[in-house]
Amino acid sequence: MNFTETHIKQIETKDLTVEKVKKQLDVFKTGLPYVNLKSAAVLNDGILQLSEKEKCYFLEYYDNKKEGLDILKFVPASWCSD
């Protein structure tokens, strides 16, 4: 894929390179391999529990930095045990 100068400038404003974007586009074209999970992540096995002090620290850190961030929505996958 050939990018215009406008595209390249836009890519660079996102702290990316044309090469990185081309690799990302290849992932869309080829897809990702399936992963066989051993088990769901649970507390102390893939999930960490923060102390109240840590929660306060990270909440304050986020509040102080969020104006300068490009915030994305994260939707975790759900797990159902049938």
PDB file of N, CA and C in Angstrom:
ATOM      1  N   MET A   1       0.846  -1.178   0.000  1.00  0.00           N
ATOM      2  CA  MET A   1       0.000   0.000   0.000  1.00  0.00           C
ATOM      3  C   MET A   1       0.886   1.233   0.000  1.00  0.00           C
ATOM      4  N   ASN A   2       0.544   2.168  -0.829  1.00  0.00           N
ATOM      5  CA  ASN A   2       1.279   3.430  -0.900  1.00  0.00           C
ATOM      6  C   ASN A   2       0.508   4.500  -0.138  1.00  0.00           C
ATOM      7  N   PHE A   3       1.230   5.204   0.709  1.00  0.00           N
ATOM      8  CA  PHE A   3       0.624   6.262   1.504  1.00  0.00           C
ATOM      9  C   PHE A   3       0.960   7.617   0.906  1.00  0.00           C
ATOM     10  N   THR A   4       0.012   8.540   0.983  1.00  0.00           N
ATOM     11  CA  THR A   4       0.261   9.912   0.548  1.00  0.00           C
ATOM     12  C   THR A   4       1.054  10.633   1.641  1.00  0.00           C
ATOM     13  N   GLU A   5       1.569  11.793   1.307  1.00  0.00           N
ATOM     14  CA  GLU A   5       2.281  12.599   2.305  1.00  0.00           C
ATOM     15  C   GLU A   5       1.359  12.935   3.479  1.00  0.00           C
ATOM     16  N   THR A   6       0.087  13.183   3.183  1.00  0.00           N
ATOM     17  CA  THR A   6      -0.892  13.473   4.247  1.00  0.00           C
ATOM     18  C   THR A   6      -1.035  12.273   5.168  1.00  0.00           C
ATOM     19  N   HIS A   7      -1.119  11.074   4.577  1.00  0.00           N
ATOM     20  CA  HIS A   7      -1.209   9.855   5.390  1.00  0.00           C
ATOM     21  C   HIS A   7       0.027   9.699   6.273  1.00  0.00           C
ATOM     22  N   ILE A   8       1.186   9.908   5.687  1.00  0.00           N
ATOM     23  CA  ILE A   8       2.438   9.731   6.427  1.00  0.00           C
ATOM     24  C   ILE A   8       2.511  10.710   7.597  1.00  0.00           C
ATOM     25  N   LYS A   9       2.108  11.945   7.390  1.00  0.00           N
ATOM     26  CA  LYS A   9       2.116  12.931   8.480  1.00  0.00           C
ATOM     27  C   LYS A   9       1.149  12.515   9.587  1.00  0.00           C
ATOM     28  N   GLN A  10      -0.016  12.011   9.179  1.00  0.00           N
ATOM     29  CA  GLN A  10      -0.996  11.560  10.172  1.00  0.00           C
ATOM     30  C   GLN A  10      -0.455  10.368  10.951  1.00  0.00           C
ATOM     31  N   ILE A  11       0.187   9.447  10.286  1.00  0.00           N
ATOM     32  CA  ILE A  11       0.786   8.276  10.940  1.00  0.00           C
ATOM     33  C   ILE A  11       1.824   8.733  11.955  1.00  0.00           C
ATOM     34  N   GLU A  12       2.662   9.665  11.559  1.00  0.00           N
ATOM     35  CA  GLU A  12       3.733  10.143  12.440  1.00  0.00           C
ATOM     36  C   GLU A  12       3.196  10.893  13.653  1.00  0.00           C
ATOM     37  N   THR A  13       2.030  11.564  13.527  1.00  0.00           N
ATOM     38  CA  THR A  13       1.457  12.261  14.684  1.00  0.00           C
ATOM     39  C   THR A  13       0.992  11.278  15.745  1.00  0.00           C
ATOM     40  N   LYS A  14       0.812  10.012  15.362  1.00  0.00           N
ATOM     41  CA  LYS A  14       0.400   8.965  16.305  1.00  0.00           C
ATOM     42  C   LYS A  14       1.607   8.185  16.820  1.00  0.00           C
ATOM     43  N   ASP A  15       2.811   8.733  16.610  1.00  0.00           N
ATOM     44  CA  ASP A  15       4.067   8.083  17.019  1.00  0.00           C
ATOM     45  C   ASP A  15       4.209   6.698  16.411  1.00  0.00           C
ATOM     46  N   LEU A  16       3.780   6.552  15.156  1.00  0.00           N
ATOM     47  CA  LEU A  16       3.931   5.306  14.417  1.00  0.00           C
ATOM     48  C   LEU A  16       4.850   5.548  13.228  1.00  0.00           C
ATOM     49  N   THR A  17       5.241   4.466  12.583  1.00  0.00           N
ATOM     50  CA  THR A  17       5.985   4.553  11.340  1.00  0.00           C
ATOM     51  C   THR A  17       5.156   3.883  10.251  1.00  0.00           C
ATOM     52  N   VAL A  18       5.483   4.195   9.008  1.00  0.00           N
ATOM     53  CA  VAL A  18       4.783   3.568   7.887  1.00  0.00           C
ATOM     54  C   VAL A  18       4.975   2.051   7.961  1.00  0.00           C
ATOM     55  N   GLU A  19       6.172   1.621   8.319  1.00  0.00           N
ATOM     56  CA  GLU A  19       6.446   0.179   8.426  1.00  0.00           C
ATOM     57  C   GLU A  19       5.548  -0.492   9.471  1.00  0.00           C
ATOM     58  N   LYS A  20       5.373   0.144  10.627  1.00  0.00           N
ATOM     59  CA  LYS A  20       4.498  -0.416  11.664  1.00  0.00           C
ATOM     60  C   LYS A  20       3.053  -0.512  11.176  1.00  0.00           C
ATOM     61  N   VAL A  21       2.599   0.520  10.474  1.00  0.00           N
ATOM     62  CA  VAL A  21       1.221   0.512   9.967  1.00  0.00           C
ATOM     63  C   VAL A  21       1.054  -0.594   8.927  1.00  0.00           C
ATOM     64  N   LYS A  22       2.044  -0.777   8.065  1.00  0.00           N
ATOM     65  CA  LYS A  22       1.974  -1.852   7.072  1.00  0.00           C
ATOM     66  C   LYS A  22       1.898  -3.217   7.746  1.00  0.00           C
ATOM     67  N   LYS A  23       2.653  -3.402   8.823  1.00  0.00           N
ATOM     68  CA  LYS A  23       2.599  -4.672   9.575  1.00  0.00           C
ATOM     69  C   LYS A  23       1.223  -4.865  10.209  1.00  0.00           C
ATOM     70  N   GLN A  24       0.644  -3.787  10.732  1.00  0.00           N
ATOM     71  CA  GLN A  24      -0.694  -3.876  11.320  1.00  0.00           C
ATOM     72  C   GLN A  24      -1.723  -4.241  10.256  1.00  0.00           C
ATOM     73  N   LEU A  25      -1.602  -3.662   9.073  1.00  0.00           N
ATOM     74  CA  LEU A  25      -2.517  -3.988   7.988  1.00  0.00           C
ATOM     75  C   LEU A  25      -2.371  -5.443   7.551  1.00  0.00           C
ATOM     76  N   ASP A  26      -1.136  -5.960   7.571  1.00  0.00           N
ATOM     77  CA  ASP A  26      -0.918  -7.373   7.239  1.00  0.00           C
ATOM     78  C   ASP A  26      -1.644  -8.289   8.215  1.00  0.00           C
ATOM     79  N   VAL A  27      -1.685  -7.888   9.494  1.00  0.00           N
ATOM     80  CA  VAL A  27      -2.404  -8.689  10.493  1.00  0.00           C
ATOM     81  C   VAL A  27      -3.885  -8.751  10.141  1.00  0.00           C
ATOM     82  N   PHE A  28      -4.456  -7.628   9.683  1.00  0.00           N
ATOM     83  CA  PHE A  28      -5.861  -7.620   9.269  1.00  0.00           C
ATOM     84  C   PHE A  28      -6.078  -8.556   8.079  1.00  0.00           C
ATOM     85  N   LYS A  29      -5.126  -8.556   7.158  1.00  0.00           N
ATOM     86  CA  LYS A  29      -5.261  -9.377   5.957  1.00  0.00           C
ATOM     87  C   LYS A  29      -5.120 -10.864   6.259  1.00  0.00           C
ATOM     88  N   THR A  30      -4.139 -11.219   7.067  1.00  0.00           N
ATOM     89  CA  THR A  30      -3.843 -12.638   7.313  1.00  0.00           C
ATOM     90  C   THR A  30      -4.528 -13.190   8.550  1.00  0.00           C
ATOM     91  N   GLY A  31      -4.894 -12.326   9.480  1.00  0.00           N
ATOM     92  CA  GLY A  31      -5.511 -12.773  10.729  1.00  0.00           C
ATOM     93  C   GLY A  31      -4.467 -13.238  11.721  1.00  0.00           C
ATOM     94  N   LEU A  32      -4.916 -13.536  12.902  1.00  0.00           N
ATOM     95  CA  LEU A  32      -4.035 -14.018  13.963  1.00  0.00           C
ATOM     96  C   LEU A  32      -4.271 -15.506  14.177  1.00  0.00           C
ATOM     97  N   PRO A  33      -3.233 -16.231  14.569  1.00  0.00           N
ATOM     98  CA  PRO A  33      -3.432 -17.665  14.828  1.00  0.00           C
ATOM     99  C   PRO A  33      -4.282 -17.870  16.088  1.00  0.00           C
ATOM    100  N   TYR A  34      -4.990 -18.976  16.119  1.00  0.00           N
ATOM    101  CA  TYR A  34      -5.771 -19.312  17.300  1.00  0.00           C
ATOM    102  C   TYR A  34      -4.851 -19.679  18.455  1.00  0.00           C
ATOM    103  N   VAL A  35      -5.313 -19.409  19.647  1.00  0.00           N
ATOM    104  CA  VAL A  35      -4.549 -19.724  20.849  1.00  0.00           C
ATOM    105  C   VAL A  35      -5.368 -20.707  21.674  1.00  0.00           C
ATOM    106  N   ASN A  36      -4.739 -21.761  22.092  1.00  0.00           N
ATOM    107  CA  ASN A  36      -5.399 -22.718  22.984  1.00  0.00           C
ATOM    108  C   ASN A  36      -5.092 -22.318  24.420  1.00  0.00           C
ATOM    109  N   LEU A  37      -6.094 -21.814  25.101  1.00  0.00           N
ATOM    110  CA  LEU A  37      -5.912 -21.365  26.475  1.00  0.00           C
ATOM    111  C   LEU A  37      -5.954 -22.535  27.439  1.00  0.00           C
ATOM    112  N   LYS A  38      -5.101 -22.456  28.428  1.00  0.00           N
ATOM    113  CA  LYS A  38      -5.072 -23.488  29.463  1.00  0.00           C
ATOM    114  C   LYS A  38      -6.252 -23.315  30.408  1.00  0.00           C
ATOM    115  N   SER A  39      -6.540 -22.080  30.768  1.00  0.00           N
ATOM    116  CA  SER A  39      -7.653 -21.798  31.673  1.00  0.00           C
ATOM    117  C   SER A  39      -7.921 -20.298  31.663  1.00  0.00           C
ATOM    118  N   ALA A  40      -9.013 -19.919  32.283  1.00  0.00           N
ATOM    119  CA  ALA A  40      -9.343 -18.501  32.407  1.00  0.00           C
ATOM    120  C   ALA A  40      -8.420 -17.858  33.438  1.00  0.00           C
ATOM    121  N   ALA A  41      -8.114 -16.592  33.232  1.00  0.00           N
ATOM    122  CA  ALA A  41      -7.330 -15.854  34.216  1.00  0.00           C
ATOM    123  C   ALA A  41      -8.198 -15.590  35.438  1.00  0.00           C
ATOM    124  N   VAL A  42      -7.643 -15.834  36.594  1.00  0.00           N
ATOM    125  CA  VAL A  42      -8.347 -15.602  37.859  1.00  0.00           C
ATOM    126  C   VAL A  42      -7.396 -14.882  38.814  1.00  0.00           C
ATOM    127  N   LEU A  43      -7.926 -14.415  39.895  1.00  0.00           N
ATOM    128  CA  LEU A  43      -7.127 -13.710  40.894  1.00  0.00           C
ATOM    129  C   LEU A  43      -5.916 -14.547  41.283  1.00  0.00           C
ATOM    130  N   ASN A  44      -4.744 -13.929  41.234  1.00  0.00           N
ATOM    131  CA  ASN A  44      -3.448 -14.534  41.553  1.00  0.00           C
ATOM    132  C   ASN A  44      -2.973 -15.553  40.521  1.00  0.00           C
ATOM    133  N   ASP A  45      -3.685 -15.688  39.428  1.00  0.00           N
ATOM    134  CA  ASP A  45      -3.237 -16.535  38.320  1.00  0.00           C
ATOM    135  C   ASP A  45      -3.614 -15.804  37.027  1.00  0.00           C
ATOM    136  N   GLY A  46      -2.886 -14.724  36.756  1.00  0.00           N
ATOM    137  CA  GLY A  46      -3.169 -13.900  35.590  1.00  0.00           C
ATOM    138  C   GLY A  46      -3.836 -12.579  35.937  1.00  0.00           C
ATOM    139  N   ILE A  47      -4.414 -12.471  37.109  1.00  0.00           N
ATOM    140  CA  ILE A  47      -5.076 -11.241  37.570  1.00  0.00           C
ATOM    141  C   ILE A  47      -4.416 -10.823  38.888  1.00  0.00           C
ATOM    142  N   LEU A  48      -4.011  -9.557  38.940  1.00  0.00           N
ATOM    143  CA  LEU A  48      -3.430  -9.022  40.169  1.00  0.00           C
ATOM    144  C   LEU A  48      -4.458  -8.185  40.902  1.00  0.00           C
ATOM    145  N   GLN A  49      -4.434  -8.237  42.215  1.00  0.00           N
ATOM    146  CA  GLN A  49      -5.319  -7.397  43.013  1.00  0.00           C
ATOM    147  C   GLN A  49      -4.494  -6.275  43.620  1.00  0.00           C
ATOM    148  N   LEU A  50      -4.932  -5.053  43.358  1.00  0.00           N
ATOM    149  CA  LEU A  50      -4.215  -3.899  43.874  1.00  0.00           C
ATOM    150  C   LEU A  50      -4.658  -3.587  45.300  1.00  0.00           C
ATOM    151  N   SER A  51      -3.710  -3.092  46.087  1.00  0.00           N
ATOM    152  CA  SER A  51      -4.049  -2.622  47.432  1.00  0.00           C
ATOM    153  C   SER A  51      -4.786  -1.288  47.296  1.00  0.00           C
ATOM    154  N   GLU A  52      -5.412  -0.852  48.362  1.00  0.00           N
ATOM    155  CA  GLU A  52      -6.093   0.444  48.343  1.00  0.00           C
ATOM    156  C   GLU A  52      -5.110   1.571  48.014  1.00  0.00           C
ATOM    157  N   LYS A  53      -3.902   1.487  48.547  1.00  0.00           N
ATOM    158  CA  LYS A  53      -2.879   2.493  48.282  1.00  0.00           C
ATOM    159  C   LYS A  53      -2.519   2.504  46.797  1.00  0.00           C
ATOM    160  N   GLU A  54      -2.361   1.325  46.200  1.00  0.00           N
ATOM    161  CA  GLU A  54      -2.044   1.235  44.771  1.00  0.00           C
ATOM    162  C   GLU A  54      -3.193   1.767  43.919  1.00  0.00           C
ATOM    163  N   LYS A  55      -4.430   1.437  44.292  1.00  0.00           N
ATOM    164  CA  LYS A  55      -5.597   1.934  43.554  1.00  0.00           C
ATOM    165  C   LYS A  55      -5.606   3.463  43.560  1.00  0.00           C
ATOM    166  N   CYS A  56      -5.414   4.054  44.723  1.00  0.00           N
ATOM    167  CA  CYS A  56      -5.410   5.514  44.841  1.00  0.00           C
ATOM    168  C   CYS A  56      -4.302   6.121  44.001  1.00  0.00           C
ATOM    169  N   TYR A  57      -3.125   5.510  44.034  1.00  0.00           N
ATOM    170  CA  TYR A  57      -1.989   6.009  43.260  1.00  0.00           C
ATOM    171  C   TYR A  57      -2.327   6.018  41.768  1.00  0.00           C
ATOM    172  N   PHE A  58      -2.822   4.892  41.232  1.00  0.00           N
ATOM    173  CA  PHE A  58      -3.083   4.791  39.804  1.00  0.00           C
ATOM    174  C   PHE A  58      -4.278   5.643  39.364  1.00  0.00           C
ATOM    175  N   LEU A  59      -5.281   5.779  40.209  1.00  0.00           N
ATOM    176  CA  LEU A  59      -6.395   6.668  39.889  1.00  0.00           C
ATOM    177  C   LEU A  59      -5.931   8.115  39.794  1.00  0.00           C
ATOM    178  N   GLU A  60      -5.120   8.535  40.749  1.00  0.00           N
ATOM    179  CA  GLU A  60      -4.596   9.898  40.735  1.00  0.00           C
ATOM    180  C   GLU A  60      -3.663  10.098  39.546  1.00  0.00           C
ATOM    181  N   TYR A  61      -2.834   9.106  39.262  1.00  0.00           N
ATOM    182  CA  TYR A  61      -1.913   9.178  38.126  1.00  0.00           C
ATOM    183  C   TYR A  61      -2.700   9.358  36.829  1.00  0.00           C
ATOM    184  N   TYR A  62      -3.736   8.546  36.648  1.00  0.00           N
ATOM    185  CA  TYR A  62      -4.572   8.634  35.444  1.00  0.00           C
ATOM    186  C   TYR A  62      -5.244  10.001  35.346  1.00  0.00           C
ATOM    187  N   ASP A  63      -5.835  10.456  36.435  1.00  0.00           N
ATOM    188  CA  ASP A  63      -6.516  11.753  36.422  1.00  0.00           C
ATOM    189  C   ASP A  63      -5.561  12.883  36.041  1.00  0.00           C
ATOM    190  N   ASN A  64      -4.308  12.788  36.475  1.00  0.00           N
ATOM    191  CA  ASN A  64      -3.324  13.825  36.170  1.00  0.00           C
ATOM    192  C   ASN A  64      -2.827  13.762  34.730  1.00  0.00           C
ATOM    193  N   LYS A  65      -2.900  12.596  34.096  1.00  0.00           N
ATOM    194  CA  LYS A  65      -2.340  12.410  32.755  1.00  0.00           C
ATOM    195  C   LYS A  65      -3.373  12.331  31.640  1.00  0.00           C
ATOM    196  N   LYS A  66      -4.647  12.134  31.949  1.00  0.00           N
ATOM    197  CA  LYS A  66      -5.633  11.804  30.924  1.00  0.00           C
ATOM    198  C   LYS A  66      -5.828  12.884  29.870  1.00  0.00           C
ATOM    199  N   GLU A  67      -5.593  14.155  30.194  1.00  0.00           N
ATOM    200  CA  GLU A  67      -5.781  15.230  29.215  1.00  0.00           C
ATOM    201  C   GLU A  67      -4.801  15.111  28.054  1.00  0.00           C
ATOM    202  N   GLY A  68      -3.647  14.529  28.299  1.00  0.00           N
ATOM    203  CA  GLY A  68      -2.646  14.400  27.249  1.00  0.00           C
ATOM    204  C   GLY A  68      -2.644  13.038  26.579  1.00  0.00           C
ATOM    205  N   LEU A  69      -3.660  12.222  26.837  1.00  0.00           N
ATOM    206  CA  LEU A  69      -3.697  10.864  26.297  1.00  0.00           C
ATOM    207  C   LEU A  69      -4.760  10.701  25.222  1.00  0.00           C
ATOM    208  N   ASP A  70      -4.531   9.768  24.322  1.00  0.00           N
ATOM    209  CA  ASP A  70      -5.566   9.309  23.395  1.00  0.00           C
ATOM    210  C   ASP A  70      -6.188   8.087  24.054  1.00  0.00           C
ATOM    211  N   ILE A  71      -7.341   8.252  24.655  1.00  0.00           N
ATOM    212  CA  ILE A  71      -7.952   7.199  25.452  1.00  0.00           C
ATOM    213  C   ILE A  71      -8.788   6.299  24.555  1.00  0.00           C
ATOM    214  N   LEU A  72      -8.574   4.992  24.689  1.00  0.00           N
ATOM    215  CA  LEU A  72      -9.315   3.990  23.945  1.00  0.00           C
ATOM    216  C   LEU A  72     -10.185   3.202  24.900  1.00  0.00           C
ATOM    217  N   LYS A  73     -11.244   2.646  24.390  1.00  0.00           N
ATOM    218  CA  LYS A  73     -12.114   1.812  25.207  1.00  0.00           C
ATOM    219  C   LYS A  73     -11.581   0.384  25.188  1.00  0.00           C
ATOM    220  N   PHE A  74     -11.483  -0.227  26.345  1.00  0.00           N
ATOM    221  CA  PHE A  74     -11.060  -1.617  26.459  1.00  0.00           C
ATOM    222  C   PHE A  74     -12.245  -2.435  26.933  1.00  0.00           C
ATOM    223  N   VAL A  75     -12.586  -3.452  26.168  1.00  0.00           N
ATOM    224  CA  VAL A  75     -13.683  -4.339  26.542  1.00  0.00           C
ATOM    225  C   VAL A  75     -13.096  -5.731  26.735  1.00  0.00           C
ATOM    226  N   PRO A  76     -12.976  -6.180  27.970  1.00  0.00           N
ATOM    227  CA  PRO A  76     -12.406  -7.508  28.199  1.00  0.00           C
ATOM    228  C   PRO A  76     -13.341  -8.594  27.700  1.00  0.00           C
ATOM    229  N   ALA A  77     -12.758  -9.689  27.309  1.00  0.00           N
ATOM    230  CA  ALA A  77     -13.563 -10.822  26.873  1.00  0.00           C
ATOM    231  C   ALA A  77     -14.265 -11.432  28.077  1.00  0.00           C
ATOM    232  N   SER A  78     -15.448 -11.902  27.869  1.00  0.00           N
ATOM    233  CA  SER A  78     -16.166 -12.558  28.966  1.00  0.00           C
ATOM    234  C   SER A  78     -15.944 -14.061  28.870  1.00  0.00           C
ATOM    235  N   TRP A  79     -16.153 -14.725  29.964  1.00  0.00           N
ATOM    236  CA  TRP A  79     -15.954 -16.163  30.017  1.00  0.00           C
ATOM    237  C   TRP A  79     -17.233 -16.778  30.565  1.00  0.00           C
ATOM    238  N   CYS A  80     -17.678 -17.804  29.925  1.00  0.00           N
ATOM    239  CA  CYS A  80     -18.917 -18.453  30.336  1.00  0.00           C
ATOM    240  C   CYS A  80     -18.638 -19.920  30.585  1.00  0.00           C
ATOM    241  N   SER A  81     -19.040 -20.403  31.725  1.00  0.00           N
ATOM    242  CA  SER A  81     -18.872 -21.836  32.007  1.00  0.00           C
ATOM    243  C   SER A  81     -20.237 -22.498  31.871  1.00  0.00           C
ATOM    244  N   ASP A  82     -20.396 -23.242  30.812  1.00  0.00           N
ATOM    245  CA  ASP A  82     -21.673 -23.923  30.568  1.00  0.00           C
ATOM    246  C   ASP A  82     -21.696 -25.304  31.179  1.00  0.00           C
TER     247      ASP A  82
END
